């Protein structure tokens, strides 16, 4: 049997200077999810924190326990999530004196 697989690009070469959340994705059919963050630029003194969030309806959100990521430098990072509800999104905090990050965010879902 072939497994179902879907990858969504939620942010593409976006420059961010403050906290944001990705668009919600309905993914109750998937048994696992992996966030990929490709950081192309990260200004000196900037720290990016990602936190997976879950929701039963895509309206109200809570942090997924144990599903957080700190990004200290340019590169490709992953955050795996299992045992989630029907909806996922990634909340990102961009911190620093004059924070700025340029990144692409993917969500890969697999049944």
Protein backbone atom coordinates (compact mmCIF):
# COMPACT_ATOMS: atom_id res chain seq x y z
CA UNK A 1 0.00 0.00 0.00
CA UNK A 2 1.27 3.46 -0.88
CA UNK A 3 1.30 6.00 1.91
CA UNK A 4 -0.34 9.36 1.29
CA UNK A 5 2.06 12.28 1.39
CA UNK A 6 1.62 16.03 1.02
CA UNK A 7 4.04 18.95 1.34
CA UNK A 8 2.78 22.52 1.67
CA UNK A 9 4.93 25.64 1.35
CA UNK A 10 3.44 28.01 3.93
CA UNK A 11 5.98 30.85 3.79
CA UNK A 12 8.29 31.37 0.82
CA UNK A 13 11.34 33.64 1.15
CA UNK A 14 9.47 35.82 3.65
CA UNK A 15 11.31 38.47 5.63
CA UNK A 16 10.00 38.65 9.21
CA UNK A 17 10.79 41.10 11.97
CA UNK A 18 8.20 40.09 14.58
CA UNK A 19 6.16 37.16 15.85
CA UNK A 20 3.79 35.43 13.42
CA UNK A 21 1.91 32.18 12.85
CA UNK A 22 1.61 30.21 9.62
CA UNK A 23 -1.71 29.55 7.95
CA UNK A 24 -3.54 26.66 9.63
CA UNK A 25 -3.50 23.30 7.87
CA UNK A 26 -6.25 20.70 8.24
CA UNK A 27 -4.34 17.45 8.53
CA UNK A 28 -6.37 15.01 10.60
CA UNK A 29 -5.76 12.31 7.95
CA UNK A 30 -1.99 12.36 8.57
CA UNK A 31 -0.24 10.25 11.19
CA UNK A 32 2.94 12.33 11.21
CA UNK A 33 4.00 15.85 10.35
CA UNK A 34 7.40 17.47 9.88
CA UNK A 35 7.99 21.20 9.76
CA UNK A 36 11.03 22.29 7.75
CA UNK A 37 12.45 25.78 8.21
CA UNK A 38 14.98 26.94 5.63
CA UNK A 39 16.62 30.05 7.05
CA UNK A 40 18.34 32.05 4.28
CA UNK A 41 19.22 35.15 6.31
CA UNK A 42 19.40 35.78 10.04
CA UNK A 43 20.61 39.20 11.19
CA UNK A 44 23.18 39.37 13.98
CA UNK A 45 21.57 39.10 17.40
CA UNK A 46 18.35 37.59 16.01
CA UNK A 47 16.94 34.37 17.46
CA UNK A 48 14.04 32.48 15.90
CA UNK A 49 11.87 30.17 18.01
CA UNK A 50 9.25 27.89 16.47
CA UNK A 51 6.42 26.25 18.39
CA UNK A 52 4.00 23.75 16.86
CA UNK A 53 0.40 24.47 17.77
CA UNK A 54 -2.63 22.18 17.57
CA UNK A 55 -6.34 22.81 17.31
CA UNK A 56 -9.53 20.73 17.19
CA UNK A 57 -11.25 23.18 14.83
CA UNK A 58 -8.68 25.57 13.31
CA UNK A 59 -9.96 28.46 15.44
CA UNK A 60 -8.56 28.08 18.96
CA UNK A 61 -4.90 27.08 19.42
CA UNK A 62 -2.63 25.62 22.09
CA UNK A 63 1.07 24.79 22.08
CA UNK A 64 1.95 21.15 21.32
CA UNK A 65 3.94 19.94 24.32
CA UNK A 66 7.53 19.04 23.43
CA UNK A 67 7.28 20.43 19.88
CA UNK A 68 9.51 23.50 19.90
CA UNK A 69 12.61 24.53 17.98
CA UNK A 70 15.30 27.19 18.50
CA UNK A 71 17.08 28.36 15.34
CA UNK A 72 20.50 29.92 16.07
CA UNK A 73 21.93 30.30 12.53
CA UNK A 74 21.34 30.07 8.78
CA UNK A 75 20.49 26.53 7.64
CA UNK A 76 17.75 23.91 7.34
CA UNK A 77 15.93 22.75 10.48
CA UNK A 78 13.17 20.24 11.19
CA UNK A 79 10.52 19.80 13.84
CA UNK A 80 8.61 16.50 13.97
CA UNK A 81 5.10 16.23 15.39
CA UNK A 82 2.99 13.15 16.16
CA UNK A 83 -0.28 12.62 18.02
CA UNK A 84 -1.88 15.90 16.99
CA UNK A 85 -5.50 16.85 16.46
CA UNK A 86 -7.09 17.81 13.18
CA UNK A 87 -5.25 21.10 12.62
CA UNK A 88 -1.62 22.30 12.79
CA UNK A 89 0.18 25.61 12.52
CA UNK A 90 3.61 26.92 13.49
CA UNK A 91 3.94 29.94 15.77
CA UNK A 92 7.26 31.75 15.35
CA UNK A 93 8.87 34.32 17.62
CA UNK A 94 11.57 36.52 16.11
CA UNK A 95 13.58 38.10 18.92
CA UNK A 96 16.49 40.49 19.27
CA UNK A 97 17.34 44.21 19.35
CA UNK A 98 16.57 44.67 15.64
CA UNK A 99 15.38 41.19 14.64
CA UNK A 100 15.14 40.10 11.00
CA UNK A 101 15.00 36.68 9.40
CA UNK A 102 14.35 35.53 5.84
CA UNK A 103 12.93 32.03 5.67
CA UNK A 104 10.84 29.43 3.89
CA UNK A 105 8.54 27.15 5.91
CA UNK A 106 7.29 23.77 4.68
CA UNK A 107 4.89 21.32 6.31
CA UNK A 108 5.28 17.69 5.18
CA UNK A 109 2.39 15.38 6.09
CA UNK A 110 2.40 11.59 5.82
CA UNK A 111 -0.19 8.90 6.47
